[in-house]
Amino acid sequence: MAAQIRSALVLYRPITGVENVELRLHDTILYNSIYRADDEYLINTRMYGTRAGNAPVLHLTARPTSGTPTSSTESREVRWVPRNEVLSLPMATSMRLRIEHYLSGTGLPHIG
């Protein structure tokens, strides 16, 4: 486990001096690795006897309930758009897939 921790710290070294980036360590036995960017979280759940690379990852996204949209590292312009106009906007293919999945209304997570 110590070698895995050292390896992870080496990989994260380039972002340790970036503003608003925190790297925190703890000494608990069971834990989750939580990665946050804008309003999205990736949570790598740790399972006893399973390497991190083989453990499930939860992808959580925020749902706006009110307020003012703000830009992120992936956007130059942010605004509320009526649901029926969303897919007519230009956007990256990966974003279009996420939005189409959400708009399909299945309520099921998308794995793929």
Protein backbone atom coordinates (compact mmCIF):
# COMPACT_ATOMS: atom_id res chain seq x y z
CA MET A 1 0.00 0.00 0.00
CA ALA A 2 2.83 2.42 0.80
CA ALA A 3 4.24 2.02 -2.71
CA GLN A 4 0.82 2.77 -4.23
CA ILE A 5 0.54 5.92 -2.15
CA ARG A 6 4.02 7.09 -3.20
CA SER A 7 3.16 6.36 -6.83
CA ALA A 8 -0.07 8.37 -6.60
CA LEU A 9 1.73 11.30 -4.98
CA VAL A 10 4.25 11.38 -7.83
CA LEU A 11 1.42 11.49 -10.38
CA TYR A 12 -0.32 14.35 -8.54
CA ARG A 13 2.86 16.40 -8.01
CA PRO A 14 2.27 18.63 -11.11
CA ILE A 15 -1.02 19.98 -9.72
CA THR A 16 0.00 20.51 -6.09
CA GLY A 17 0.87 24.18 -6.70
CA VAL A 18 -2.29 24.98 -8.65
CA GLU A 19 -4.62 27.50 -7.04
CA ASN A 20 -7.71 25.93 -5.39
CA VAL A 21 -6.23 22.41 -5.59
CA GLU A 22 -5.83 20.56 -2.32
CA LEU A 23 -4.20 17.20 -1.77
CA ARG A 24 -5.12 15.63 1.55
CA LEU A 25 -3.84 12.45 3.15
CA HIS A 26 -5.35 10.41 5.97
CA ASP A 27 -4.54 7.30 7.97
CA THR A 28 -7.86 5.46 7.85
CA ILE A 29 -7.96 1.88 6.60
CA LEU A 30 -11.14 1.98 4.49
CA TYR A 31 -11.76 5.02 2.38
CA ASN A 32 -12.81 6.48 -0.96
CA SER A 33 -10.73 8.56 -3.35
CA ILE A 34 -12.78 11.60 -4.26
CA TYR A 35 -11.96 13.76 -7.28
CA ARG A 36 -13.91 16.97 -7.84
CA ALA A 37 -14.00 19.25 -10.90
CA ASP A 38 -16.57 22.00 -11.22
CA ASP A 39 -19.88 20.30 -10.30
CA GLU A 40 -18.79 16.74 -10.97
CA TYR A 41 -17.36 14.16 -8.60
CA LEU A 42 -15.61 10.87 -9.31
CA ILE A 43 -15.55 8.62 -6.27
CA ASN A 44 -13.34 5.55 -6.41
CA THR A 45 -14.78 3.26 -3.75
CA ARG A 46 -12.27 1.04 -1.97
CA MET A 47 -13.24 -2.56 -1.42
CA TYR A 48 -11.42 -4.95 0.89
CA GLY A 49 -9.08 -7.17 -1.08
CA THR A 50 -9.58 -5.27 -4.36
CA ARG A 51 -7.04 -2.99 -6.01
CA ALA A 52 -8.24 0.55 -6.64
CA GLY A 53 -8.12 0.07 -10.41
CA ASN A 54 -10.63 -2.77 -10.13
CA ALA A 55 -13.02 -1.03 -7.73
CA PRO A 56 -16.21 0.73 -8.89
CA VAL A 57 -16.18 4.46 -9.63
CA LEU A 58 -19.24 6.59 -8.91
CA HIS A 59 -19.74 9.61 -11.17
CA LEU A 60 -21.93 12.23 -9.50
CA THR A 61 -23.08 15.46 -11.13
CA ALA A 62 -24.82 18.45 -9.64
CA ARG A 63 -28.39 19.34 -10.56
CA PRO A 64 -29.08 23.04 -10.72
CA THR A 65 -32.05 24.05 -8.62
CA SER A 66 -31.64 27.83 -8.73
CA GLY A 67 -29.03 30.55 -8.95
CA THR A 68 -26.87 31.85 -11.73
CA PRO A 69 -24.90 29.55 -14.03
CA THR A 70 -21.15 30.20 -14.04
CA SER A 71 -18.44 29.27 -16.50
CA SER A 72 -15.98 26.45 -15.94
CA THR A 73 -12.77 25.22 -17.52
CA GLU A 74 -14.89 23.65 -20.29
CA SER A 75 -17.03 26.67 -21.15
CA ARG A 76 -16.72 30.25 -22.34
CA GLU A 77 -20.41 31.06 -22.05
CA VAL A 78 -22.99 29.71 -19.64
CA ARG A 79 -26.72 30.40 -19.72
CA TRP A 80 -30.04 28.73 -19.05
CA VAL A 81 -31.53 27.29 -22.23
CA PRO A 82 -35.04 25.89 -22.73
CA ARG A 83 -35.01 22.09 -22.81
CA ASN A 84 -36.27 21.93 -26.41
CA GLU A 85 -33.35 24.11 -27.64
CA VAL A 86 -30.46 22.33 -25.93
CA LEU A 87 -29.58 19.83 -28.64
CA SER A 88 -29.57 22.50 -31.35
CA LEU A 89 -26.55 24.17 -29.72
CA PRO A 90 -22.97 23.45 -30.82
CA MET A 91 -21.11 21.35 -28.25
CA ALA A 92 -18.46 18.68 -27.85
CA THR A 93 -19.54 15.15 -28.72
CA SER A 94 -18.92 13.90 -25.19
CA MET A 95 -21.10 16.67 -23.73
CA ARG A 96 -23.84 15.96 -26.29
CA LEU A 97 -23.87 12.28 -25.29
CA ARG A 98 -24.19 13.17 -21.59
CA ILE A 99 -27.01 15.63 -22.27
CA GLU A 100 -28.87 13.24 -24.60
CA HIS A 101 -28.65 10.53 -21.94
CA TYR A 102 -30.04 12.88 -19.29
CA LEU A 103 -32.84 14.11 -21.56
CA SER A 104 -33.87 10.53 -22.39
CA GLY A 105 -35.30 10.43 -18.86
CA THR A 106 -34.38 6.84 -18.06
CA GLY A 107 -33.14 7.78 -14.61
CA LEU A 108 -30.52 5.07 -14.99
CA PRO A 109 -26.77 5.65 -14.83
CA HIS A 110 -24.97 5.65 -18.15
CA ILE A 111 -22.09 3.20 -18.38
CA GLY A 112 -20.14 3.36 -21.57
